[in-house]
Amino acid sequence: MADTKYRIAVASSDGIVVNNHFGRARAFYIYAVNEDSSEFLEVRNLPPVCEMGEHDEERLQKNVDSLSDCTHLLALKVGPGARAALENKGISVYEIPGIISESIDKLVKYEQVNELFK
């Protein structure tokens, strides 16, 4: 997709729904998106940041680095520490649960509206 506007990492357990908390996600589905279409690119399997109530800061940084080529992240939930780490890498964070294609559509529409006010 030559005119990719967004590269979105989606926290999903099944590749169908945005249904994982960022810290517990084992897989991120990567999409290239423009205003008219989206294309699935790959699945990135990463070790979860949160296990048994513990947060691993080193793993958090490694996972954020592994997603640093993405412009946006979609998840069910993102904690404040992970949100800050992602945003510090320039990744916009959205909590939009639901069918992946519908959540991506909502994200793109939101971004388009925001661009009207810049």
PDB file of N, CA and C in Angstrom:
ATOM      1  N   MET A   1       0.853  -1.167   0.000  1.00  0.00           N
ATOM      2  CA  MET A   1       0.000   0.000   0.000  1.00  0.00           C
ATOM      3  C   MET A   1       0.898   1.228   0.000  1.00  0.00           C
ATOM      4  N   ALA A   2       1.082   1.830  -1.149  1.00  0.00           N
ATOM      5  CA  ALA A   2       2.035   2.915  -1.323  1.00  0.00           C
ATOM      6  C   ALA A   2       1.639   4.180  -0.572  1.00  0.00           C
ATOM      7  N   ASP A   3       0.349   4.445  -0.433  1.00  0.00           N
ATOM      8  CA  ASP A   3      -0.088   5.675   0.200  1.00  0.00           C
ATOM      9  C   ASP A   3      -0.541   5.463   1.647  1.00  0.00           C
ATOM     10  N   THR A   4       0.194   4.613   2.366  1.00  0.00           N
ATOM     11  CA  THR A   4      -0.137   4.309   3.754  1.00  0.00           C
ATOM     12  C   THR A   4      -0.065   5.579   4.593  1.00  0.00           C
ATOM     13  N   LYS A   5      -1.145   5.860   5.284  1.00  0.00           N
ATOM     14  CA  LYS A   5      -1.192   7.020   6.164  1.00  0.00           C
ATOM     15  C   LYS A   5      -0.970   6.610   7.613  1.00  0.00           C
ATOM     16  N   TYR A   6      -1.483   5.440   7.973  1.00  0.00           N
ATOM     17  CA  TYR A   6      -1.359   4.937   9.332  1.00  0.00           C
ATOM     18  C   TYR A   6      -0.812   3.512   9.305  1.00  0.00           C
ATOM     19  N   ARG A   7      -0.060   3.196  10.309  1.00  0.00           N
ATOM     20  CA  ARG A   7       0.382   1.813  10.527  1.00  0.00           C
ATOM     21  C   ARG A   7      -0.087   1.490  11.938  1.00  0.00           C
ATOM     22  N   ILE A   8      -1.041   0.576  12.030  1.00  0.00           N
ATOM     23  CA  ILE A   8      -1.742   0.346  13.284  1.00  0.00           C
ATOM     24  C   ILE A   8      -1.435  -1.036  13.834  1.00  0.00           C
ATOM     25  N   ALA A   9      -1.024  -1.078  15.102  1.00  0.00           N
ATOM     26  CA  ALA A   9      -0.827  -2.329  15.834  1.00  0.00           C
ATOM     27  C   ALA A   9      -2.100  -2.588  16.637  1.00  0.00           C
ATOM     28  N   VAL A  10      -2.655  -3.784  16.502  1.00  0.00           N
ATOM     29  CA  VAL A  10      -3.910  -4.135  17.160  1.00  0.00           C
ATOM     30  C   VAL A  10      -3.667  -5.276  18.147  1.00  0.00           C
ATOM     31  N   ALA A  11      -4.026  -5.047  19.408  1.00  0.00           N
ATOM     32  CA  ALA A  11      -3.898  -6.082  20.438  1.00  0.00           C
ATOM     33  C   ALA A  11      -5.127  -6.992  20.353  1.00  0.00           C
ATOM     34  N   SER A  12      -4.904  -8.212  19.860  1.00  0.00           N
ATOM     35  CA  SER A  12      -6.021  -9.140  19.648  1.00  0.00           C
ATOM     36  C   SER A  12      -5.577 -10.565  19.924  1.00  0.00           C
ATOM     37  N   SER A  13      -6.485 -11.344  20.492  1.00  0.00           N
ATOM     38  CA  SER A  13      -6.179 -12.752  20.747  1.00  0.00           C
ATOM     39  C   SER A  13      -6.504 -13.632  19.549  1.00  0.00           C
ATOM     40  N   ASP A  14      -7.324 -13.108  18.615  1.00  0.00           N
ATOM     41  CA  ASP A  14      -7.797 -13.954  17.521  1.00  0.00           C
ATOM     42  C   ASP A  14      -7.705 -13.324  16.127  1.00  0.00           C
ATOM     43  N   GLY A  15      -7.254 -12.089  16.031  1.00  0.00           N
ATOM     44  CA  GLY A  15      -7.166 -11.430  14.735  1.00  0.00           C
ATOM     45  C   GLY A  15      -8.508 -10.975  14.199  1.00  0.00           C
ATOM     46  N   ILE A  16      -9.547 -11.064  15.010  1.00  0.00           N
ATOM     47  CA  ILE A  16     -10.881 -10.655  14.586  1.00  0.00           C
ATOM     48  C   ILE A  16     -11.367  -9.453  15.386  1.00  0.00           C
ATOM     49  N   VAL A  17     -11.101  -9.486  16.695  1.00  0.00           N
ATOM     50  CA  VAL A  17     -11.585  -8.432  17.583  1.00  0.00           C
ATOM     51  C   VAL A  17     -10.442  -7.772  18.351  1.00  0.00           C
ATOM     52  N   VAL A  18     -10.597  -6.475  18.617  1.00  0.00           N
ATOM     53  CA  VAL A  18      -9.689  -5.762  19.523  1.00  0.00           C
ATOM     54  C   VAL A  18     -10.166  -6.160  20.918  1.00  0.00           C
ATOM     55  N   ASN A  19      -9.436  -7.093  21.552  1.00  0.00           N
ATOM     56  CA  ASN A  19      -9.942  -7.653  22.807  1.00  0.00           C
ATOM     57  C   ASN A  19      -8.865  -7.899  23.863  1.00  0.00           C
ATOM     58  N   ASN A  20      -7.687  -7.352  23.659  1.00  0.00           N
ATOM     59  CA  ASN A  20      -6.618  -7.573  24.643  1.00  0.00           C
ATOM     60  C   ASN A  20      -6.140  -6.277  25.270  1.00  0.00           C
ATOM     61  N   HIS A  21      -5.831  -6.369  26.545  1.00  0.00           N
ATOM     62  CA  HIS A  21      -5.142  -5.315  27.276  1.00  0.00           C
ATOM     63  C   HIS A  21      -3.715  -5.293  26.732  1.00  0.00           C
ATOM     64  N   PHE A  22      -3.161  -4.110  26.513  1.00  0.00           N
ATOM     65  CA  PHE A  22      -1.813  -4.022  25.949  1.00  0.00           C
ATOM     66  C   PHE A  22      -0.818  -4.883  26.717  1.00  0.00           C
ATOM     67  N   GLY A  23      -0.829  -4.779  28.025  1.00  0.00           N
ATOM     68  CA  GLY A  23       0.152  -5.482  28.842  1.00  0.00           C
ATOM     69  C   GLY A  23       0.020  -6.988  28.852  1.00  0.00           C
ATOM     70  N   ARG A  24      -1.165  -7.495  28.516  1.00  0.00           N
ATOM     71  CA  ARG A  24      -1.379  -8.944  28.509  1.00  0.00           C
ATOM     72  C   ARG A  24      -1.340  -9.546  27.101  1.00  0.00           C
ATOM     73  N   ALA A  25      -1.276  -8.696  26.107  1.00  0.00           N
ATOM     74  CA  ALA A  25      -1.327  -9.167  24.719  1.00  0.00           C
ATOM     75  C   ALA A  25      -0.079  -9.972  24.364  1.00  0.00           C
ATOM     76  N   ARG A  26      -0.309 -11.058  23.667  1.00  0.00           N
ATOM     77  CA  ARG A  26       0.777 -11.898  23.152  1.00  0.00           C
ATOM     78  C   ARG A  26       0.972 -11.698  21.658  1.00  0.00           C
ATOM     79  N   ALA A  27      -0.037 -11.102  21.012  1.00  0.00           N
ATOM     80  CA  ALA A  27       0.025 -10.902  19.565  1.00  0.00           C
ATOM     81  C   ALA A  27      -0.516  -9.521  19.210  1.00  0.00           C
ATOM     82  N   PHE A  28       0.163  -8.890  18.274  1.00  0.00           N
ATOM     83  CA  PHE A  28      -0.276  -7.611  17.722  1.00  0.00           C
ATOM     84  C   PHE A  28      -0.399  -7.785  16.216  1.00  0.00           C
ATOM     85  N   TYR A  29      -1.562  -7.476  15.705  1.00  0.00           N
ATOM     86  CA  TYR A  29      -1.857  -7.583  14.277  1.00  0.00           C
ATOM     87  C   TYR A  29      -1.575  -6.215  13.671  1.00  0.00           C
ATOM     88  N   ILE A  30      -0.704  -6.193  12.671  1.00  0.00           N
ATOM     89  CA  ILE A  30      -0.247  -4.927  12.098  1.00  0.00           C
ATOM     90  C   ILE A  30      -0.973  -4.682  10.784  1.00  0.00           C
ATOM     91  N   TYR A  31      -1.530  -3.469  10.665  1.00  0.00           N
ATOM     92  CA  TYR A  31      -2.285  -3.069   9.475  1.00  0.00           C
ATOM     93  C   TYR A  31      -1.696  -1.791   8.896  1.00  0.00           C
ATOM     94  N   ALA A  32      -1.648  -1.724   7.563  1.00  0.00           N
ATOM     95  CA  ALA A  32      -1.337  -0.488   6.847  1.00  0.00           C
ATOM     96  C   ALA A  32      -2.679   0.079   6.406  1.00  0.00           C
ATOM     97  N   VAL A  33      -2.893   1.359   6.698  1.00  0.00           N
ATOM     98  CA  VAL A  33      -4.210   1.944   6.479  1.00  0.00           C
ATOM     99  C   VAL A  33      -4.071   3.307   5.820  1.00  0.00           C
ATOM    100  N   ASN A  34      -4.953   3.572   4.860  1.00  0.00           N
ATOM    101  CA  ASN A  34      -5.115   4.931   4.354  1.00  0.00           C
ATOM    102  C   ASN A  34      -6.575   5.307   4.584  1.00  0.00           C
ATOM    103  N   GLU A  35      -7.018   6.422   4.047  1.00  0.00           N
ATOM    104  CA  GLU A  35      -8.391   6.843   4.318  1.00  0.00           C
ATOM    105  C   GLU A  35      -9.436   5.940   3.673  1.00  0.00           C
ATOM    106  N   ASP A  36      -9.063   5.157   2.679  1.00  0.00           N
ATOM    107  CA  ASP A  36     -10.048   4.368   1.938  1.00  0.00           C
ATOM    108  C   ASP A  36      -9.983   2.860   2.184  1.00  0.00           C
ATOM    109  N   SER A  37      -8.860   2.358   2.671  1.00  0.00           N
ATOM    110  CA  SER A  37      -8.736   0.907   2.804  1.00  0.00           C
ATOM    111  C   SER A  37      -7.682   0.545   3.840  1.00  0.00           C
ATOM    112  N   SER A  38      -7.732  -0.712   4.251  1.00  0.00           N
ATOM    113  CA  SER A  38      -6.703  -1.219   5.155  1.00  0.00           C
ATOM    114  C   SER A  38      -6.211  -2.563   4.643  1.00  0.00           C
ATOM    115  N   GLU A  39      -4.969  -2.845   4.957  1.00  0.00           N
ATOM    116  CA  GLU A  39      -4.342  -4.086   4.515  1.00  0.00           C
ATOM    117  C   GLU A  39      -3.629  -4.722   5.708  1.00  0.00           C
ATOM    118  N   PHE A  40      -3.950  -5.974   5.985  1.00  0.00           N
ATOM    119  CA  PHE A  40      -3.261  -6.713   7.032  1.00  0.00           C
ATOM    120  C   PHE A  40      -1.854  -7.021   6.546  1.00  0.00           C
ATOM    121  N   LEU A  41      -0.851  -6.753   7.387  1.00  0.00           N
ATOM    122  CA  LEU A  41       0.540  -6.985   7.015  1.00  0.00           C
ATOM    123  C   LEU A  41       1.148  -8.204   7.691  1.00  0.00           C
ATOM    124  N   GLU A  42       0.986  -8.305   9.017  1.00  0.00           N
ATOM    125  CA  GLU A  42       1.663  -9.374   9.747  1.00  0.00           C
ATOM    126  C   GLU A  42       1.147  -9.473  11.174  1.00  0.00           C
ATOM    127  N   VAL A  43       1.522 -10.564  11.833  1.00  0.00           N
ATOM    128  CA  VAL A  43       1.296 -10.728  13.268  1.00  0.00           C
ATOM    129  C   VAL A  43       2.653 -10.667  13.949  1.00  0.00           C
ATOM    130  N   ARG A  44       2.738  -9.872  15.000  1.00  0.00           N
ATOM    131  CA  ARG A  44       3.962  -9.826  15.804  1.00  0.00           C
ATOM    132  C   ARG A  44       3.657 -10.462  17.151  1.00  0.00           C
ATOM    133  N   ASN A  45       4.307 -11.559  17.420  1.00  0.00           N
ATOM    134  CA  ASN A  45       4.153 -12.243  18.695  1.00  0.00           C
ATOM    135  C   ASN A  45       5.197 -11.704  19.655  1.00  0.00           C
ATOM    136  N   LEU A  46       4.723 -11.168  20.778  1.00  0.00           N
ATOM    137  CA  LEU A  46       5.601 -10.568  21.774  1.00  0.00           C
ATOM    138  C   LEU A  46       5.249 -11.131  23.148  1.00  0.00           C
ATOM    139  N   PRO A  47       6.217 -11.210  24.036  1.00  0.00           N
ATOM    140  CA  PRO A  47       5.911 -11.693  25.388  1.00  0.00           C
ATOM    141  C   PRO A  47       5.080 -10.647  26.132  1.00  0.00           C
ATOM    142  N   PRO A  48       4.075 -11.078  26.896  1.00  0.00           N
ATOM    143  CA  PRO A  48       3.259 -10.107  27.629  1.00  0.00           C
ATOM    144  C   PRO A  48       4.085  -9.327  28.649  1.00  0.00           C
ATOM    145  N   VAL A  49       3.726  -8.081  28.829  1.00  0.00           N
ATOM    146  CA  VAL A  49       4.398  -7.205  29.779  1.00  0.00           C
ATOM    147  C   VAL A  49       3.930  -7.513  31.202  1.00  0.00           C
ATOM    148  N   CYS A  50       2.657  -7.877  31.346  1.00  0.00           N
ATOM    149  CA  CYS A  50       2.062  -8.155  32.658  1.00  0.00           C
ATOM    150  C   CYS A  50       1.786  -9.649  32.782  1.00  0.00           C
ATOM    151  N   GLU A  51       2.320 -10.234  33.819  1.00  0.00           N
ATOM    152  CA  GLU A  51       2.026 -11.637  34.109  1.00  0.00           C
ATOM    153  C   GLU A  51       1.872 -11.794  35.608  1.00  0.00           C
ATOM    154  N   MET A  52       0.777 -12.413  36.004  1.00  0.00           N
ATOM    155  CA  MET A  52       0.482 -12.672  37.412  1.00  0.00           C
ATOM    156  C   MET A  52       0.576 -11.400  38.265  1.00  0.00           C
ATOM    157  N   GLY A  53       0.052 -10.296  37.719  1.00  0.00           N
ATOM    158  CA  GLY A  53      -0.002  -9.054  38.476  1.00  0.00           C
ATOM    159  C   GLY A  53       1.282  -8.255  38.511  1.00  0.00           C
ATOM    160  N   GLU A  54       2.329  -8.748  37.915  1.00  0.00           N
ATOM    161  CA  GLU A  54       3.619  -8.056  37.905  1.00  0.00           C
ATOM    162  C   GLU A  54       3.859  -7.408  36.543  1.00  0.00           C
ATOM    163  N   HIS A  55       4.456  -6.215  36.563  1.00  0.00           N
ATOM    164  CA  HIS A  55       4.818  -5.511  35.336  1.00  0.00           C
ATOM    165  C   HIS A  55       6.323  -5.589  35.155  1.00  0.00           C
ATOM    166  N   ASP A  56       6.743  -5.926  33.966  1.00  0.00           N
ATOM    167  CA  ASP A  56       8.164  -6.022  33.651  1.00  0.00           C
ATOM    168  C   ASP A  56       8.541  -4.812  32.805  1.00  0.00           C
ATOM    169  N   GLU A  57       9.211  -3.828  33.413  1.00  0.00           N
ATOM    170  CA  GLU A  57       9.555  -2.584  32.717  1.00  0.00           C
ATOM    171  C   GLU A  57      10.486  -2.820  31.527  1.00  0.00           C
ATOM    172  N   GLU A  58      11.424  -3.736  31.674  1.00  0.00           N
ATOM    173  CA  GLU A  58      12.345  -4.035  30.567  1.00  0.00           C
ATOM    174  C   GLU A  58      11.579  -4.619  29.382  1.00  0.00           C
ATOM    175  N   ARG A  59      10.675  -5.533  29.669  1.00  0.00           N
ATOM    176  CA  ARG A  59       9.858  -6.138  28.615  1.00  0.00           C
ATOM    177  C   ARG A  59       8.948  -5.088  27.976  1.00  0.00           C
ATOM    178  N   LEU A  60       8.421  -4.169  28.795  1.00  0.00           N
ATOM    179  CA  LEU A  60       7.588  -3.086  28.270  1.00  0.00           C
ATOM    180  C   LEU A  60       8.367  -2.290  27.232  1.00  0.00           C
ATOM    181  N   GLN A  61       9.580  -1.905  27.568  1.00  0.00           N
ATOM    182  CA  GLN A  61      10.392  -1.120  26.627  1.00  0.00           C
ATOM    183  C   GLN A  61      10.709  -1.910  25.356  1.00  0.00           C
ATOM    184  N   LYS A  62      11.006  -3.204  25.502  1.00  0.00           N
ATOM    185  CA  LYS A  62      11.289  -4.036  24.327  1.00  0.00           C
ATOM    186  C   LYS A  62      10.065  -4.145  23.428  1.00  0.00           C
ATOM    187  N   ASN A  63       8.874  -4.320  24.026  1.00  0.00           N
ATOM    188  CA  ASN A  63       7.654  -4.431  23.231  1.00  0.00           C
ATOM    189  C   ASN A  63       7.325  -3.109  22.540  1.00  0.00           C
ATOM    190  N   VAL A  64       7.506  -2.011  23.256  1.00  0.00           N
ATOM    191  CA  VAL A  64       7.276  -0.695  22.641  1.00  0.00           C
ATOM    192  C   VAL A  64       8.249  -0.500  21.481  1.00  0.00           C
ATOM    193  N   ASP A  65       9.508  -0.864  21.675  1.00  0.00           N
ATOM    194  CA  ASP A  65      10.493  -0.759  20.596  1.00  0.00           C
ATOM    195  C   ASP A  65      10.099  -1.636  19.404  1.00  0.00           C
ATOM    196  N   SER A  66       9.539  -2.816  19.681  1.00  0.00           N
ATOM    197  CA  SER A  66       9.121  -3.729  18.610  1.00  0.00           C
ATOM    198  C   SER A  66       7.951  -3.176  17.811  1.00  0.00           C
ATOM    199  N   LEU A  67       7.231  -2.235  18.379  1.00  0.00           N
ATOM    200  CA  LEU A  67       6.078  -1.631  17.700  1.00  0.00           C
ATOM    201  C   LEU A  67       6.370  -0.206  17.227  1.00  0.00           C
ATOM    202  N   SER A  68       7.615   0.226  17.337  1.00  0.00           N
ATOM    203  CA  SER A  68       7.953   1.627  17.073  1.00  0.00           C
ATOM    204  C   SER A  68       7.788   2.064  15.620  1.00  0.00           C
ATOM    205  N   ASP A  69       7.600   1.118  14.698  1.00  0.00           N
ATOM    206  CA  ASP A  69       7.336   1.495  13.310  1.00  0.00           C
ATOM    207  C   ASP A  69       5.848   1.777  13.083  1.00  0.00           C
ATOM    208  N   CYS A  70       5.039   1.603  14.127  1.00  0.00           N
ATOM    209  CA  CYS A  70       3.598   1.857  14.028  1.00  0.00           C
ATOM    210  C   CYS A  70       3.296   3.297  14.456  1.00  0.00           C
ATOM    211  N   THR A  71       2.259   3.865  13.860  1.00  0.00           N
ATOM    212  CA  THR A  71       1.839   5.218  14.208  1.00  0.00           C
ATOM    213  C   THR A  71       0.745   5.207  15.265  1.00  0.00           C
ATOM    214  N   HIS A  72       0.003   4.086  15.346  1.00  0.00           N
ATOM    215  CA  HIS A  72      -1.128   3.980  16.255  1.00  0.00           C
ATOM    216  C   HIS A  72      -1.173   2.587  16.872  1.00  0.00           C
ATOM    217  N   LEU A  73      -1.824   2.514  18.043  1.00  0.00           N
ATOM    218  CA  LEU A  73      -2.060   1.239  18.697  1.00  0.00           C
ATOM    219  C   LEU A  73      -3.516   1.187  19.130  1.00  0.00           C
ATOM    220  N   LEU A  74      -4.171   0.067  18.844  1.00  0.00           N
ATOM    221  CA  LEU A  74      -5.540  -0.192  19.282  1.00  0.00           C
ATOM    222  C   LEU A  74      -5.501  -1.318  20.304  1.00  0.00           C
ATOM    223  N   ALA A  75      -6.177  -1.117  21.435  1.00  0.00           N
ATOM    224  CA  ALA A  75      -6.231  -2.149  22.462  1.00  0.00           C
ATOM    225  C   ALA A  75      -7.538  -2.017  23.233  1.00  0.00           C
ATOM    226  N   LEU A  76      -7.863  -3.058  23.976  1.00  0.00           N
ATOM    227  CA  LEU A  76      -9.011  -3.008  24.872  1.00  0.00           C
ATOM    228  C   LEU A  76      -8.740  -2.006  25.991  1.00  0.00           C
ATOM    229  N   LYS A  77      -7.550  -2.077  26.578  1.00  0.00           N
ATOM    230  CA  LYS A  77      -7.120  -1.181  27.645  1.00  0.00           C
ATOM    231  C   LYS A  77      -5.619  -0.998  27.560  1.00  0.00           C
ATOM    232  N   VAL A  78      -5.155   0.173  27.991  1.00  0.00           N
ATOM    233  CA  VAL A  78      -3.719   0.460  28.064  1.00  0.00           C
ATOM    234  C   VAL A  78      -3.495   1.220  29.368  1.00  0.00           C
ATOM    235  N   GLY A  79      -2.629   0.690  30.207  1.00  0.00           N
ATOM    236  CA  GLY A  79      -2.333   1.347  31.476  1.00  0.00           C
ATOM    237  C   GLY A  79      -1.545   2.627  31.270  1.00  0.00           C
ATOM    238  N   PRO A  80      -1.508   3.482  32.290  1.00  0.00           N
ATOM    239  CA  PRO A  80      -0.837   4.781  32.150  1.00  0.00           C
ATOM    240  C   PRO A  80       0.658   4.688  31.851  1.00  0.00           C
ATOM    241  N   GLY A  81       1.358   3.717  32.440  1.00  0.00           N
ATOM    242  CA  GLY A  81       2.796   3.577  32.165  1.00  0.00           C
ATOM    243  C   GLY A  81       3.064   3.155  30.741  1.00  0.00           C
ATOM    244  N   ALA A  82       2.290   2.186  30.254  1.00  0.00           N
ATOM    245  CA  ALA A  82       2.441   1.726  28.865  1.00  0.00           C
ATOM    246  C   ALA A  82       2.040   2.829  27.899  1.00  0.00           C
ATOM    247  N   ARG A  83       0.959   3.539  28.217  1.00  0.00           N
ATOM    248  CA  ARG A  83       0.518   4.648  27.353  1.00  0.00           C
ATOM    249  C   ARG A  83       1.631   5.682  27.214  1.00  0.00           C
ATOM    250  N   ALA A  84       2.241   6.050  28.332  1.00  0.00           N
ATOM    251  CA  ALA A  84       3.321   7.041  28.296  1.00  0.00           C
ATOM    252  C   ALA A  84       4.502   6.543  27.469  1.00  0.00           C
ATOM    253  N   ALA A  85       4.877   5.275  27.657  1.00  0.00           N
ATOM    254  CA  ALA A  85       6.005   4.709  26.894  1.00  0.00           C
ATOM    255  C   ALA A  85       5.705   4.704  25.396  1.00  0.00           C
ATOM    256  N   LEU A  86       4.489   4.317  25.026  1.00  0.00           N
ATOM    257  CA  LEU A  86       4.095   4.286  23.613  1.00  0.00           C
ATOM    258  C   LEU A  86       4.063   5.696  23.031  1.00  0.00           C
ATOM    259  N   GLU A  87       3.444   6.624  23.747  1.00  0.00           N
ATOM    260  CA  GLU A  87       3.351   7.997  23.250  1.00  0.00           C
ATOM    261  C   GLU A  87       4.724   8.656  23.150  1.00  0.00           C
ATOM    262  N   ASN A  88       5.641   8.296  24.045  1.00  0.00           N
ATOM    263  CA  ASN A  88       7.010   8.822  23.958  1.00  0.00           C
ATOM    264  C   ASN A  88       7.716   8.355  22.689  1.00  0.00           C
ATOM    265  N   LYS A  89       7.272   7.225  22.132  1.00  0.00           N
ATOM    266  CA  LYS A  89       7.818   6.722  20.853  1.00  0.00           C
ATOM    267  C   LYS A  89       7.041   7.272  19.663  1.00  0.00           C
ATOM    268  N   GLY A  90       6.052   8.133  19.927  1.00  0.00           N
ATOM    269  CA  GLY A  90       5.272   8.717  18.838  1.00  0.00           C
ATOM    270  C   GLY A  90       4.100   7.862  18.387  1.00  0.00           C
ATOM    271  N   ILE A  91       3.710   6.895  19.209  1.00  0.00           N
ATOM    272  CA  ILE A  91       2.594   6.008  18.867  1.00  0.00           C
ATOM    273  C   ILE A  91       1.344   6.526  19.575  1.00  0.00           C
ATOM    274  N   SER A  92       0.315   6.874  18.804  1.00  0.00           N
ATOM    275  CA  SER A  92      -0.957   7.310  19.366  1.00  0.00           C
ATOM    276  C   SER A  92      -1.718   6.092  19.852  1.00  0.00           C
ATOM    277  N   VAL A  93      -2.275   6.185  21.050  1.00  0.00           N
ATOM    278  CA  VAL A  93      -2.916   5.047  21.700  1.00  0.00           C
ATOM    279  C   VAL A  93      -4.427   5.246  21.748  1.00  0.00           C
ATOM    280  N   TYR A  94      -5.162   4.199  21.338  1.00  0.00           N
ATOM    281  CA  TYR A  94      -6.623   4.240  21.354  1.00  0.00           C
ATOM    282  C   TYR A  94      -7.170   2.976  21.991  1.00  0.00           C
ATOM    283  N   GLU A  95      -8.172   3.152  22.825  1.00  0.00           N
ATOM    284  CA  GLU A  95      -8.903   2.032  23.414  1.00  0.00           C
ATOM    285  C   GLU A  95     -10.256   1.955  22.707  1.00  0.00           C
ATOM    286  N   ILE A  96     -10.323   1.140  21.663  1.00  0.00           N
ATOM    287  CA  ILE A  96     -11.547   0.998  20.875  1.00  0.00           C
ATOM    288  C   ILE A  96     -11.806  -0.492  20.682  1.00  0.00           C
ATOM    289  N   PRO A  97     -12.450  -1.144  21.667  1.00  0.00           N
ATOM    290  CA  PRO A  97     -12.748  -2.572  21.522  1.00  0.00           C
ATOM    291  C   PRO A  97     -13.795  -2.798  20.436  1.00  0.00           C
ATOM    292  N   GLY A  98     -13.794  -4.004  19.891  1.00  0.00           N
ATOM    293  CA  GLY A  98     -14.772  -4.373  18.871  1.00  0.00           C
ATOM    294  C   GLY A  98     -14.107  -5.092  17.725  1.00  0.00           C
ATOM    295  N   ILE A  99     -14.863  -5.293  16.653  1.00  0.00           N
ATOM    296  CA  ILE A  99     -14.344  -5.917  15.432  1.00  0.00           C
ATOM    297  C   ILE A  99     -13.200  -5.040  14.908  1.00  0.00           C
ATOM    298  N   ILE A 100     -12.085  -5.658  14.570  1.00  0.00           N
ATOM    299  CA  ILE A 100     -10.887  -4.898  14.167  1.00  0.00           C
ATOM    300  C   ILE A 100     -11.196  -3.902  13.056  1.00  0.00           C
ATOM    301  N   SER A 101     -11.857  -4.342  11.993  1.00  0.00           N
ATOM    302  CA  SER A 101     -12.117  -3.434  10.866  1.00  0.00           C
ATOM    303  C   SER A 101     -12.954  -2.236  11.300  1.00  0.00           C
ATOM    304  N   GLU A 102     -13.921  -2.459  12.188  1.00  0.00           N
ATOM    305  CA  GLU A 102     -14.765  -1.366  12.668  1.00  0.00           C
ATOM    306  C   GLU A 102     -13.986  -0.424  13.581  1.00  0.00           C
ATOM    307  N   SER A 103     -13.124  -0.980  14.429  1.00  0.00           N
ATOM    308  CA  SER A 103     -12.308  -0.152  15.319  1.00  0.00           C
ATOM    309  C   SER A 103     -11.308   0.684  14.520  1.00  0.00           C
ATOM    310  N   ILE A 104     -10.723   0.095  13.487  1.00  0.00           N
ATOM    311  CA  ILE A 104      -9.810   0.851  12.620  1.00  0.00           C
ATOM    312  C   ILE A 104     -10.573   1.978  11.936  1.00  0.00           C
ATOM    313  N   ASP A 105     -11.766   1.698  11.455  1.00  0.00           N
ATOM    314  CA  ASP A 105     -12.588   2.716  10.797  1.00  0.00           C
ATOM    315  C   ASP A 105     -12.880   3.878  11.755  1.00  0.00           C
ATOM    316  N   LYS A 106     -13.215   3.575  12.999  1.00  0.00           N
ATOM    317  CA  LYS A 106     -13.476   4.626  13.995  1.00  0.00           C
ATOM    318  C   LYS A 106     -12.224   5.454  14.250  1.00  0.00           C
ATOM    319  N   LEU A 107     -11.075   4.793  14.356  1.00  0.00           N
ATOM    320  CA  LEU A 107      -9.823   5.495  14.579  1.00  0.00           C
ATOM    321  C   LEU A 107      -9.531   6.455  13.426  1.00  0.00           C
ATOM    322  N   VAL A 108      -9.673   5.985  12.195  1.00  0.00           N
ATOM    323  CA  VAL A 108      -9.390   6.817  11.020  1.00  0.00           C
ATOM    324  C   VAL A 108     -10.346   8.007  10.973  1.00  0.00           C
ATOM    325  N   LYS A 109     -11.622   7.779  11.225  1.00  0.00           N
ATOM    326  CA  LYS A 109     -12.587   8.885  11.220  1.00  0.00           C
ATOM    327  C   LYS A 109     -12.254   9.905  12.296  1.00  0.00           C
ATOM    328  N   TYR A 110     -11.865   9.447  13.465  1.00  0.00           N
ATOM    329  CA  TYR A 110     -11.473  10.350  14.542  1.00  0.00           C
ATOM    330  C   TYR A 110     -10.267  11.193  14.124  1.00  0.00           C
ATOM    331  N   GLU A 111      -9.277  10.550  13.533  1.00  0.00           N
ATOM    332  CA  GLU A 111      -8.078  11.263  13.075  1.00  0.00           C
ATOM    333  C   GLU A 111      -8.434  12.290  11.993  1.00  0.00           C
ATOM    334  N   GLN A 112      -9.336  11.934  11.079  1.00  0.00           N
ATOM    335  CA  GLN A 112      -9.743  12.864  10.024  1.00  0.00           C
ATOM    336  C   GLN A 112     -10.421  14.097  10.609  1.00  0.00           C
ATOM    337  N   VAL A 113     -11.281  13.896  11.593  1.00  0.00           N
ATOM    338  CA  VAL A 113     -11.946  15.037  12.245  1.00  0.00           C
ATOM    339  C   VAL A 113     -10.911  15.909  12.948  1.00  0.00           C
ATOM    340  N   ASN A 114      -9.976  15.296  13.663  1.00  0.00           N
ATOM    341  CA  ASN A 114      -8.935  16.066  14.348  1.00  0.00           C
ATOM    342  C   ASN A 114      -8.102  16.886  13.379  1.00  0.00           C
ATOM    343  N   GLU A 115      -7.840  16.359  12.203  1.00  0.00           N
ATOM    344  CA  GLU A 115      -7.039  17.085  11.220  1.00  0.00           C
ATOM    345  C   GLU A 115      -7.742  18.331  10.715  1.00  0.00           C
ATOM    346  N   LEU A 116      -9.068  18.346  10.772  1.00  0.00           N
ATOM    347  CA  LEU A 116      -9.827  19.525  10.354  1.00  0.00           C
ATOM    348  C   LEU A 116      -9.552  20.718  11.262  1.00  0.00           C
ATOM    349  N   PHE A 117      -9.164  20.460  12.487  1.00  0.00           N
ATOM    350  CA  PHE A 117      -8.957  21.515  13.465  1.00  0.00           C
ATOM    351  C   PHE A 117      -7.501  21.912  13.653  1.00  0.00           C
ATOM    352  N   LYS A 118      -6.636  21.380  12.837  1.00  0.00           N
ATOM    353  CA  LYS A 118      -5.202  21.720  12.941  1.00  0.00           C
ATOM    354  C   LYS A 118      -4.888  22.963  12.123  1.00  0.00           C
TER     355      LYS A 118
END
